[in-house]
Amino acid sequence: MVKQPHPEVEYFGKLDAEKKKKIAEEKRAKLAKDELKKLKELHFMRCPGCGLELETVVFKGVAIHKCFNCGGVFLEEGTLEKLCGHESHIMESILELFRF
């Protein structure tokens, strides 16, 4: 014959399990945050093509990032719109390719 636990024991057991789950989720979130911070420090202003440093230059009044080693040019969000203008249908078509 299996003895059933008291409702109090079951209740506090569930509370304890929820606390442990919350602690585990917080550790995982902190680890993810720390990992993202490390990745940013490692890759910030580095060329995705060759890995050397990117330089910020002004082109048509807009700051862009250029790699003088491989010639790559990289834009932050919104920069392409500033360079091409908002009314261009071609611009909308290009942007649609990159939207997720």
N, C-alpha and C. Protein backbone atom coordinates (compact mmCIF):
# COMPACT_ATOMS: atom_id res chain seq x y z
N MET A 1 0.84 -1.17 0.00
CA MET A 1 0.00 0.00 0.00
C MET A 1 0.89 1.24 0.00
N VAL A 2 0.63 2.15 -0.96
CA VAL A 2 1.41 3.38 -1.09
C VAL A 2 0.76 4.47 -0.26
N LYS A 3 1.59 5.10 0.55
CA LYS A 3 1.09 6.17 1.42
C LYS A 3 1.05 7.48 0.64
N GLN A 4 -0.07 8.16 0.63
CA GLN A 4 -0.26 9.43 -0.05
C GLN A 4 0.32 10.55 0.81
N PRO A 5 1.05 11.48 0.20
CA PRO A 5 1.60 12.60 0.98
C PRO A 5 0.48 13.54 1.42
N HIS A 6 0.74 14.23 2.50
CA HIS A 6 -0.21 15.23 2.97
C HIS A 6 -0.27 16.36 1.96
N PRO A 7 -1.41 17.01 1.85
CA PRO A 7 -1.51 18.15 0.92
C PRO A 7 -0.49 19.24 1.20
N GLU A 8 -0.14 19.44 2.49
CA GLU A 8 0.85 20.46 2.84
C GLU A 8 2.22 20.11 2.27
N VAL A 9 2.61 18.86 2.38
CA VAL A 9 3.91 18.42 1.88
C VAL A 9 3.96 18.59 0.37
N GLU A 10 2.90 18.22 -0.31
CA GLU A 10 2.83 18.37 -1.75
C GLU A 10 2.89 19.85 -2.15
N TYR A 11 2.16 20.69 -1.44
CA TYR A 11 2.13 22.12 -1.72
C TYR A 11 3.52 22.73 -1.59
N PHE A 12 4.20 22.45 -0.46
CA PHE A 12 5.52 23.03 -0.24
C PHE A 12 6.56 22.41 -1.18
N GLY A 13 6.37 21.18 -1.57
CA GLY A 13 7.24 20.55 -2.56
C GLY A 13 7.14 21.27 -3.91
N LYS A 14 5.91 21.61 -4.30
CA LYS A 14 5.70 22.35 -5.55
C LYS A 14 6.34 23.74 -5.46
N LEU A 15 6.17 24.42 -4.32
CA LEU A 15 6.79 25.73 -4.14
C LEU A 15 8.31 25.64 -4.27
N ASP A 16 8.88 24.63 -3.64
CA ASP A 16 10.33 24.44 -3.70
C ASP A 16 10.79 24.18 -5.13
N ALA A 17 10.05 23.36 -5.86
CA ALA A 17 10.40 23.05 -7.25
C ALA A 17 10.30 24.31 -8.12
N GLU A 18 9.28 25.13 -7.90
CA GLU A 18 9.13 26.38 -8.65
C GLU A 18 10.28 27.34 -8.36
N LYS A 19 10.70 27.42 -7.10
CA LYS A 19 11.83 28.28 -6.74
C LYS A 19 13.11 27.81 -7.44
N LYS A 20 13.33 26.50 -7.42
CA LYS A 20 14.53 25.95 -8.06
C LYS A 20 14.49 26.18 -9.57
N LYS A 21 13.31 26.05 -10.18
CA LYS A 21 13.17 26.29 -11.61
C LYS A 21 13.47 27.74 -11.93
N LYS A 22 12.96 28.66 -11.12
CA LYS A 22 13.19 30.09 -11.33
C LYS A 22 14.68 30.42 -11.21
N ILE A 23 15.35 29.85 -10.23
CA ILE A 23 16.79 30.07 -10.05
C ILE A 23 17.56 29.56 -11.26
N ALA A 24 17.18 28.39 -11.76
CA ALA A 24 17.84 27.82 -12.94
C ALA A 24 17.63 28.70 -14.17
N GLU A 25 16.42 29.24 -14.34
CA GLU A 25 16.13 30.13 -15.47
C GLU A 25 16.93 31.42 -15.37
N GLU A 26 17.07 31.96 -14.15
CA GLU A 26 17.85 33.17 -13.96
C GLU A 26 19.33 32.93 -14.27
N LYS A 27 19.85 31.77 -13.87
CA LYS A 27 21.24 31.43 -14.18
C LYS A 27 21.43 31.32 -15.69
N ARG A 28 20.48 30.68 -16.36
CA ARG A 28 20.57 30.52 -17.81
C ARG A 28 20.51 31.88 -18.50
N ALA A 29 19.62 32.76 -18.04
CA ALA A 29 19.51 34.10 -18.64
C ALA A 29 20.79 34.90 -18.41
N LYS A 30 21.35 34.80 -17.23
CA LYS A 30 22.59 35.51 -16.93
C LYS A 30 23.73 34.98 -17.79
N LEU A 31 23.78 33.68 -17.95
CA LEU A 31 24.81 33.08 -18.78
C LEU A 31 24.65 33.57 -20.22
N ALA A 32 23.44 33.59 -20.71
CA ALA A 32 23.19 34.06 -22.07
C ALA A 32 23.58 35.53 -22.21
N LYS A 33 23.24 36.34 -21.21
CA LYS A 33 23.58 37.76 -21.24
C LYS A 33 25.10 37.94 -21.22
N ASP A 34 25.78 37.19 -20.37
CA ASP A 34 27.24 37.28 -20.29
C ASP A 34 27.88 36.82 -21.60
N GLU A 35 27.33 35.75 -22.19
CA GLU A 35 27.87 35.24 -23.45
C GLU A 35 27.69 36.27 -24.57
N LEU A 36 26.52 36.92 -24.61
CA LEU A 36 26.29 37.95 -25.61
C LEU A 36 27.25 39.12 -25.43
N LYS A 37 27.50 39.48 -24.18
CA LYS A 37 28.43 40.57 -23.89
C LYS A 37 29.84 40.20 -24.37
N LYS A 38 30.26 38.96 -24.13
CA LYS A 38 31.58 38.52 -24.58
C LYS A 38 31.68 38.53 -26.10
N LEU A 39 30.61 38.06 -26.76
CA LEU A 39 30.62 38.05 -28.22
C LEU A 39 30.70 39.47 -28.78
N LYS A 40 29.96 40.40 -28.17
CA LYS A 40 29.99 41.77 -28.64
C LYS A 40 31.39 42.36 -28.48
N GLU A 41 32.00 42.11 -27.32
CA GLU A 41 33.35 42.62 -27.08
C GLU A 41 34.34 42.02 -28.09
N LEU A 42 34.14 40.77 -28.44
CA LEU A 42 35.04 40.09 -29.36
C LEU A 42 34.87 40.57 -30.80
N HIS A 43 33.62 40.84 -31.21
CA HIS A 43 33.32 41.13 -32.61
C HIS A 43 32.98 42.58 -32.92
N PHE A 44 32.80 43.42 -31.94
CA PHE A 44 32.35 44.79 -32.17
C PHE A 44 33.32 45.52 -33.09
N MET A 45 32.76 46.13 -34.14
CA MET A 45 33.51 46.91 -35.13
C MET A 45 34.60 46.07 -35.81
N ARG A 46 34.30 44.79 -36.02
CA ARG A 46 35.17 43.90 -36.78
C ARG A 46 34.47 43.53 -38.07
N CYS A 47 35.23 43.42 -39.13
CA CYS A 47 34.68 43.07 -40.44
C CYS A 47 34.23 41.60 -40.42
N PRO A 48 32.99 41.33 -40.82
CA PRO A 48 32.56 39.94 -40.88
C PRO A 48 33.23 39.15 -42.00
N GLY A 49 33.83 39.86 -42.97
CA GLY A 49 34.50 39.20 -44.07
C GLY A 49 35.92 38.76 -43.75
N CYS A 50 36.70 39.66 -43.17
CA CYS A 50 38.12 39.35 -42.94
C CYS A 50 38.53 39.43 -41.47
N GLY A 51 37.70 40.02 -40.62
CA GLY A 51 37.99 40.07 -39.20
C GLY A 51 38.78 41.27 -38.72
N LEU A 52 39.27 42.10 -39.64
CA LEU A 52 40.01 43.28 -39.21
C LEU A 52 39.05 44.39 -38.78
N GLU A 53 39.62 45.44 -38.20
CA GLU A 53 38.79 46.51 -37.66
C GLU A 53 38.08 47.30 -38.75
N LEU A 54 36.83 47.68 -38.46
CA LEU A 54 36.07 48.57 -39.33
C LEU A 54 36.34 50.01 -38.93
N GLU A 55 36.32 50.90 -39.90
CA GLU A 55 36.48 52.32 -39.65
C GLU A 55 35.16 53.01 -40.00
N THR A 56 34.77 53.97 -39.20
CA THR A 56 33.56 54.74 -39.48
C THR A 56 33.94 55.91 -40.37
N VAL A 57 33.23 56.01 -41.49
CA VAL A 57 33.44 57.12 -42.42
C VAL A 57 32.09 57.75 -42.73
N VAL A 58 32.11 59.00 -43.13
CA VAL A 58 30.87 59.69 -43.47
C VAL A 58 30.72 59.69 -44.98
N PHE A 59 29.58 59.21 -45.45
CA PHE A 59 29.28 59.16 -46.88
C PHE A 59 27.92 59.80 -47.09
N LYS A 60 27.86 60.86 -47.86
CA LYS A 60 26.63 61.62 -48.11
C LYS A 60 25.97 62.03 -46.80
N GLY A 61 26.78 62.40 -45.84
CA GLY A 61 26.28 62.87 -44.56
C GLY A 61 25.83 61.78 -43.60
N VAL A 62 26.09 60.52 -43.94
CA VAL A 62 25.65 59.40 -43.11
C VAL A 62 26.87 58.56 -42.71
N ALA A 63 26.95 58.18 -41.45
CA ALA A 63 28.06 57.36 -40.97
C ALA A 63 27.86 55.91 -41.43
N ILE A 64 28.89 55.37 -42.07
CA ILE A 64 28.90 53.96 -42.47
C ILE A 64 30.19 53.33 -41.97
N HIS A 65 30.25 52.01 -41.99
CA HIS A 65 31.43 51.29 -41.52
C HIS A 65 32.11 50.64 -42.71
N LYS A 66 33.41 50.92 -42.86
CA LYS A 66 34.16 50.42 -44.01
C LYS A 66 35.39 49.66 -43.54
N CYS A 67 35.64 48.54 -44.22
CA CYS A 67 36.86 47.78 -43.99
C CYS A 67 37.84 48.15 -45.09
N PHE A 68 38.96 48.75 -44.72
CA PHE A 68 39.95 49.15 -45.71
C PHE A 68 40.85 47.99 -46.12
N ASN A 69 40.68 46.84 -45.50
CA ASN A 69 41.44 45.67 -45.89
C ASN A 69 40.79 44.94 -47.06
N CYS A 70 39.50 44.58 -46.91
CA CYS A 70 38.82 43.81 -47.97
C CYS A 70 37.85 44.67 -48.79
N GLY A 71 37.62 45.92 -48.35
CA GLY A 71 36.75 46.82 -49.10
C GLY A 71 35.28 46.70 -48.75
N GLY A 72 34.93 45.89 -47.77
CA GLY A 72 33.54 45.72 -47.37
C GLY A 72 32.97 46.99 -46.76
N VAL A 73 31.68 47.20 -47.00
CA VAL A 73 30.97 48.35 -46.43
C VAL A 73 29.76 47.79 -45.68
N PHE A 74 29.56 48.24 -44.45
CA PHE A 74 28.50 47.71 -43.60
C PHE A 74 27.67 48.84 -43.03
N LEU A 75 26.37 48.62 -43.04
CA LEU A 75 25.41 49.65 -42.64
C LEU A 75 24.62 49.19 -41.42
N GLU A 76 24.34 50.13 -40.55
CA GLU A 76 23.47 49.85 -39.43
C GLU A 76 22.03 49.99 -39.88
N GLU A 77 21.11 49.54 -39.06
CA GLU A 77 19.69 49.62 -39.39
C GLU A 77 19.29 51.07 -39.66
N GLY A 78 18.60 51.29 -40.77
CA GLY A 78 18.11 52.62 -41.12
C GLY A 78 19.05 53.41 -42.01
N THR A 79 20.31 52.98 -42.12
CA THR A 79 21.28 53.73 -42.91
C THR A 79 20.97 53.65 -44.40
N LEU A 80 20.56 52.49 -44.88
CA LEU A 80 20.25 52.35 -46.30
C LEU A 80 19.10 53.26 -46.70
N GLU A 81 18.10 53.36 -45.83
CA GLU A 81 16.98 54.27 -46.11
C GLU A 81 17.45 55.72 -46.20
N LYS A 82 18.36 56.11 -45.32
CA LYS A 82 18.88 57.48 -45.34
C LYS A 82 19.63 57.77 -46.62
N LEU A 83 20.38 56.79 -47.11
CA LEU A 83 21.17 56.98 -48.31
C LEU A 83 20.33 56.98 -49.58
N CYS A 84 19.30 56.12 -49.62
CA CYS A 84 18.50 55.97 -50.84
C CYS A 84 17.23 56.81 -50.86
N GLY A 85 16.78 57.23 -49.71
CA GLY A 85 15.52 57.96 -49.64
C GLY A 85 14.38 57.01 -49.35
N HIS A 86 13.33 57.52 -48.78
CA HIS A 86 12.21 56.68 -48.35
C HIS A 86 11.20 56.42 -49.46
N GLU A 87 11.14 57.27 -50.47
CA GLU A 87 10.09 57.15 -51.47
C GLU A 87 10.41 56.16 -52.58
N SER A 88 11.57 55.59 -52.59
CA SER A 88 11.99 54.70 -53.67
C SER A 88 11.36 53.32 -53.54
N HIS A 89 10.69 52.85 -54.59
CA HIS A 89 10.11 51.50 -54.60
C HIS A 89 11.21 50.45 -54.70
N ILE A 90 12.31 50.80 -55.36
CA ILE A 90 13.44 49.89 -55.44
C ILE A 90 13.99 49.63 -54.05
N MET A 91 14.04 50.70 -53.25
CA MET A 91 14.52 50.59 -51.88
C MET A 91 13.66 49.61 -51.09
N GLU A 92 12.36 49.71 -51.21
CA GLU A 92 11.45 48.82 -50.50
C GLU A 92 11.67 47.38 -50.93
N SER A 93 11.89 47.15 -52.23
CA SER A 93 12.14 45.81 -52.74
C SER A 93 13.42 45.22 -52.16
N ILE A 94 14.47 46.03 -52.08
CA ILE A 94 15.73 45.57 -51.53
C ILE A 94 15.57 45.23 -50.05
N LEU A 95 14.92 46.11 -49.31
CA LEU A 95 14.74 45.88 -47.88
C LEU A 95 13.91 44.64 -47.61
N GLU A 96 12.94 44.37 -48.46
CA GLU A 96 12.07 43.20 -48.27
C GLU A 96 12.88 41.90 -48.33
N LEU A 97 13.97 41.90 -49.08
CA LEU A 97 14.84 40.72 -49.15
C LEU A 97 15.45 40.38 -47.80
N PHE A 98 15.69 41.41 -46.97
CA PHE A 98 16.40 41.21 -45.72
C PHE A 98 15.51 41.14 -44.49
N ARG A 99 14.23 41.31 -44.65
CA ARG A 99 13.32 41.26 -43.50
C ARG A 99 13.00 39.81 -43.18
N PHE A 100 12.90 39.54 -41.90
CA PHE A 100 12.59 38.17 -41.45
C PHE A 100 11.17 38.07 -41.01
